[in-house]
Amino acid sequence: MKKKFLALLLSACLAAALCAGCGSTDTPAEDTPTEDTTAAETGEQSTIRLGGLKGPTSMGMVKLLADNDAGTTTNHYEFTMAGSADELTPKMLQGELDILAVPVNLGSVLYNNSEGSVQLLAVNTLGVIYIVENGGQTVTDWSSLKGQTIYATGKGSTPEYALNYLLEENGLDPASDVTIEWKSEPSEVVALMAAEDHVIAMLPQPFVTVAQSKFPDLQVAIDLTQEWDKLDNGSQLNTAGLIVRTEFAQEHPDAVAAFLEEYAASTQYVNDNVAEAAQLVGQYDIVEAAVAEKAIPYCNIVCITGEEMKTSVEGYFQVLFDQNPQSVGGALPGDDFYYIAQ
């Protein structure tokens, strides 16, 4: 990789990773060799070094990880997990990871600042952000937020841009019609619910589920993903995706194709078998199993690839770019950012 970009990328990653809403299994420090594109033909198994973050970003891959441990996957996977993207992106840039689950916009930041060294394989998590209310039921739609205070996390990152966009699209000025009180961590917002009689907040999953366990009367008032879809603008509210090293994708297309098949099957399993998947989420120390079982149905775990992925993400990036070009690395990524198998 071009190491002259590394310092710049590390600082960019810190900002971009705030949207993840997101214990580590160590991988060897040295590069693990991967098999060439003839592996499938010779019956040899390709090794893919896979990385993910705690939280919804990694929930969809747990069946793949379990199958890998059982020795039933086409590829062999070596998995590394971390609490924040800046712990893993240097490994990606240095060639120590092949595929990484990160905030979608972070993929664009890395692409723009490393001469296209990464590509987007798939969207794996749509929106996980909700407007919730504790101590009342005053929020019924966007217009009912006028004059209200919203406690939120994610200032200067995608949650802020998504909220501003949806407020504006629904006729509200974020600067004058609502008061947004930004907190550094979701736990601060949850603490406010214990201290105040009435709180309106914007929280990601699984923190919504955690808050509901503490405050049984807490209501989900607005699902930002559904509200984005209502705009029918061709894009979707995206949280996270899978990025691949461009060099790896070019050299090992068969391994990448097998991974996408196995990953798609894993996400299907997670959505169809919530209780069993939640146990795996807990087993791999991604989120506590009890929390995962309640949160999975609201985490919008998907595997969107190809042209559908490109359309979904391009419109989303345009919204981010219009508010802050640096949120996508200073420029909208080129067509070669999107991995579309031929």
Foldseek 3Di string as FASTA:
>chain_A
DPCVLVVVLLVLQVQAQQLQLFQWDDDDPDADDFDFQCCVVVVHATEAEEEEEFGLLCLLCLVVVVCLVVVNARHRYHYTYDHTCSVCVVCQVVNRHFKYKGFPLSLLQCCLRPVRQKAFFWFFWFFQKFKKKAQDDQFADLVSQFPEEEEEENPSYDVVLLVCVLSVVVPHHCVHRYHYHYDHDLVVQLVVSVVDNMHIYMHGPPSVLVSCVVGVRMGGRGDSQVSVVVVVPQATGTTIGMMGGPVCCVGHVVNSVSVLVSSQVSNVCCQVPVLVSLVSSCVSVSDHSVSSSVSVVSRRGHTGAAPSRVRHVQVSLVSVCVVPCVSNNNDRDDPSNGDHPD
